[in-house]
N, C-alpha and C. Protein backbone atom coordinates (compact mmCIF):
# COMPACT_ATOMS: atom_id res chain seq x y z
N MET A 1 10.31 -5.57 15.94
CA MET A 1 10.55 -4.08 15.79
C MET A 1 9.40 -3.94 15.05
N SER A 2 9.40 -4.12 13.64
CA SER A 2 8.38 -3.72 12.70
C SER A 2 6.77 -3.50 12.98
N THR A 3 6.30 -4.26 14.27
CA THR A 3 5.04 -4.05 14.96
C THR A 3 5.01 -2.40 15.60
N ALA A 4 6.34 -2.00 16.17
CA ALA A 4 5.93 -1.35 16.87
C ALA A 4 6.06 -0.70 16.14
N TYR A 5 6.81 -0.37 15.21
CA TYR A 5 7.35 0.91 13.96
C TYR A 5 6.11 0.75 13.46
N ALA A 6 4.85 0.09 12.93
CA ALA A 6 3.83 0.15 12.72
C ALA A 6 2.55 0.51 13.40
N ALA A 7 2.90 0.68 15.00
CA ALA A 7 1.69 1.00 15.79
C ALA A 7 1.64 2.48 15.49
N GLU A 8 3.45 3.11 15.42
CA GLU A 8 4.15 4.42 16.08
C GLU A 8 3.40 5.10 14.93
N VAL A 9 3.80 4.91 13.37
CA VAL A 9 3.74 5.52 12.10
C VAL A 9 2.48 5.33 11.72
N LEU A 10 1.39 5.04 11.45
CA LEU A 10 -0.08 4.76 10.94
C LEU A 10 -1.20 5.27 11.99
N PRO A 11 -1.81 5.82 11.28
CA PRO A 11 -3.36 6.89 11.77
C PRO A 11 -3.80 5.75 12.65
N VAL A 12 -4.47 5.55 13.66
CA VAL A 12 -5.26 4.94 14.74
C VAL A 12 -5.67 3.64 13.67
N ASN A 13 -6.89 4.38 12.81
CA ASN A 13 -7.85 3.47 12.45
C ASN A 13 -6.95 2.49 11.84
N LEU A 14 -5.98 2.24 11.52
CA LEU A 14 -5.19 1.45 10.12
C LEU A 14 -4.48 0.56 10.83
N ARG A 15 -3.93 1.46 12.37
CA ARG A 15 -2.67 0.06 13.01
C ARG A 15 -3.19 -1.74 13.01
N PRO A 16 -4.95 -1.67 13.27
CA PRO A 16 -4.89 -3.18 13.44
C PRO A 16 -4.67 -3.93 12.32
N TYR A 17 -5.00 -3.38 11.34
CA TYR A 17 -4.89 -4.15 10.12
C TYR A 17 -3.36 -4.00 9.55
N LEU A 18 -2.60 -3.43 9.78
CA LEU A 18 -0.89 -3.62 9.76
C LEU A 18 -0.60 -4.44 10.61
N THR A 19 -0.38 -4.39 11.77
CA THR A 19 0.02 -5.42 12.47
C THR A 19 -0.53 -6.58 12.66
N SER A 20 -1.61 -6.62 12.14
CA SER A 20 -1.98 -8.14 12.07
C SER A 20 -1.49 -8.52 10.70
N ASN A 21 -1.27 -7.94 9.65
CA ASN A 21 -1.06 -8.37 8.23
C ASN A 21 0.91 -8.94 8.37
N ILE A 22 1.44 -7.92 9.48
CA ILE A 22 2.98 -8.04 9.55
C ILE A 22 2.58 -10.00 10.37
N ASN A 23 1.94 -9.91 11.68
CA ASN A 23 2.30 -10.98 12.20
C ASN A 23 2.14 -12.92 11.12
N MET A 24 0.75 -11.91 10.56
CA MET A 24 0.37 -13.19 9.44
C MET A 24 1.40 -13.27 8.48
N CYS A 25 2.08 -12.23 8.17
CA CYS A 25 3.15 -13.15 6.75
C CYS A 25 5.28 -13.18 8.25
N TRP A 26 4.82 -13.38 9.16
CA TRP A 26 6.04 -14.26 10.03
C TRP A 26 5.01 -15.17 10.45
N LEU A 27 3.99 -15.13 10.48
CA LEU A 27 3.70 -16.82 10.78
C LEU A 27 3.46 -17.52 9.53
N LEU A 28 3.01 -17.32 8.38
CA LEU A 28 3.63 -17.78 7.48
C LEU A 28 5.16 -18.33 6.35
N GLY A 29 5.53 -17.72 7.12
CA GLY A 29 7.41 -17.57 6.81
C GLY A 29 8.51 -19.08 7.67
N GLN A 30 7.27 -18.96 9.17
CA GLN A 30 8.13 -20.02 10.24
C GLN A 30 7.00 -21.39 9.16
N LEU A 31 6.33 -20.86 8.87
CA LEU A 31 5.62 -22.31 8.20
C LEU A 31 5.84 -22.81 7.24
N CYS A 32 6.46 -22.15 6.21
CA CYS A 32 7.35 -21.91 4.50
C CYS A 32 8.43 -22.78 5.06
N GLY A 33 9.77 -22.36 6.00
CA GLY A 33 10.61 -22.21 7.01
C GLY A 33 10.93 -23.58 7.38
N ILE A 34 9.48 -23.69 8.44
CA ILE A 34 9.81 -25.90 8.77
C ILE A 34 9.16 -26.59 7.78
N GLY A 35 8.77 -26.64 6.72
CA GLY A 35 7.49 -27.22 5.71
C GLY A 35 9.30 -27.73 4.96
N VAL A 36 10.23 -26.90 4.53
CA VAL A 36 11.52 -26.99 3.50
C VAL A 36 12.33 -27.61 4.45
N VAL A 37 12.29 -27.19 5.72
CA VAL A 37 13.29 -27.89 6.68
C VAL A 37 12.88 -29.63 7.01
N TYR A 38 11.68 -29.69 6.98
CA TYR A 38 11.23 -30.91 7.50
C TYR A 38 11.11 -31.77 6.00
N ALA A 39 10.87 -31.74 5.18
CA ALA A 39 11.09 -31.90 3.32
C ALA A 39 12.51 -32.53 3.22
N PHE A 40 13.43 -32.25 4.09
CA PHE A 40 14.92 -32.13 3.25
C PHE A 40 15.94 -32.63 4.99
N LEU A 41 14.61 -32.86 5.79
CA LEU A 41 15.39 -33.53 7.21
C LEU A 41 16.11 -35.10 6.66
N ASP A 42 15.19 -35.39 5.97
CA ASP A 42 16.54 -37.25 5.78
C ASP A 42 17.17 -37.60 4.60
N ALA A 43 17.75 -36.33 3.32
CA ALA A 43 18.13 -36.34 2.95
C ALA A 43 19.43 -36.02 3.25
N GLN A 44 20.54 -36.63 2.64
CA GLN A 44 21.79 -37.71 2.81
C GLN A 44 22.80 -36.70 1.99
N SER A 45 22.20 -36.34 1.16
CA SER A 45 23.10 -35.80 -0.47
C SER A 45 23.25 -34.26 0.18
N GLU A 46 24.67 -33.35 -1.02
CA GLU A 46 24.40 -32.04 -0.58
C GLU A 46 23.25 -31.78 -1.32
N TRP A 47 22.63 -31.34 -1.65
CA TRP A 47 20.84 -31.24 -2.12
C TRP A 47 19.70 -30.91 -1.05
N ALA A 48 20.73 -31.70 0.05
CA ALA A 48 19.90 -31.71 1.75
C ALA A 48 20.44 -29.76 2.29
N TYR A 49 20.85 -29.33 2.01
CA TYR A 49 21.02 -27.89 2.47
C TYR A 49 21.32 -26.91 1.42
N ARG A 50 21.36 -27.14 0.03
CA ARG A 50 21.18 -26.30 -1.47
C ARG A 50 20.59 -26.36 -1.40
N ILE A 51 19.27 -27.13 -1.61
CA ILE A 51 17.84 -26.73 -1.61
C ILE A 51 17.14 -25.91 -0.62
N PRO A 52 16.97 -25.01 0.65
CA PRO A 52 16.36 -25.07 1.32
C PRO A 52 17.40 -23.57 0.76
N PHE A 53 19.03 -23.32 0.61
CA PHE A 53 19.42 -21.67 1.10
C PHE A 53 18.75 -21.52 -1.20
N GLY A 54 19.05 -22.59 -2.01
CA GLY A 54 18.15 -21.81 -3.09
C GLY A 54 16.77 -21.04 -2.83
N LEU A 55 16.24 -21.64 -2.30
CA LEU A 55 14.62 -20.97 -1.85
C LEU A 55 14.27 -19.87 -1.36
N GLN A 56 15.69 -19.73 0.01
CA GLN A 56 15.14 -18.68 0.29
C GLN A 56 15.73 -17.43 -0.70
N TRP A 57 16.44 -17.33 -1.74
CA TRP A 57 16.51 -16.59 -2.87
C TRP A 57 15.73 -16.40 -3.90
N ALA A 58 14.95 -17.43 -4.19
CA ALA A 58 13.48 -17.90 -5.14
C ALA A 58 12.81 -16.69 -4.62
N PHE A 59 12.51 -16.24 -3.87
CA PHE A 59 11.53 -15.21 -3.01
C PHE A 59 12.44 -13.50 -3.53
N VAL A 60 13.04 -13.11 -3.61
CA VAL A 60 13.80 -12.04 -3.79
C VAL A 60 13.44 -11.56 -5.11
N ILE A 61 13.52 -12.19 -6.34
CA ILE A 61 12.79 -11.84 -7.56
C ILE A 61 11.61 -11.16 -7.82
N PRO A 62 10.63 -12.02 -7.10
CA PRO A 62 9.15 -11.43 -7.30
C PRO A 62 9.05 -10.46 -6.15
N ILE A 63 9.74 -10.66 -4.91
CA ILE A 63 9.41 -9.37 -4.14
C ILE A 63 9.62 -8.13 -4.90
N LEU A 64 10.81 -7.38 -5.47
CA LEU A 64 11.54 -6.77 -5.83
C LEU A 64 10.70 -5.90 -7.26
N VAL A 65 10.28 -7.27 -8.08
CA VAL A 65 9.26 -7.09 -9.21
C VAL A 65 7.91 -6.61 -8.63
N VAL A 66 7.90 -7.07 -7.37
CA VAL A 66 6.30 -6.41 -7.13
C VAL A 66 6.17 -4.58 -6.47
N VAL A 67 7.37 -4.94 -5.86
CA VAL A 67 8.37 -3.40 -5.53
C VAL A 67 8.56 -2.62 -6.21
């Protein structure tokens, strides 16, 4: 949805840059998620689910600072 919105709102000469950036961010997010899940795949303790949930909230503070 964000790519379609950006393609409608931005001027024509900036659309390829923003849509490519959005797609790259989706790709990097997927790769990070797969890496975290794969790292804790064999863990048997309670940290196997606590650390992935904690990591997704760890990005909120830097994003809020940047915004």
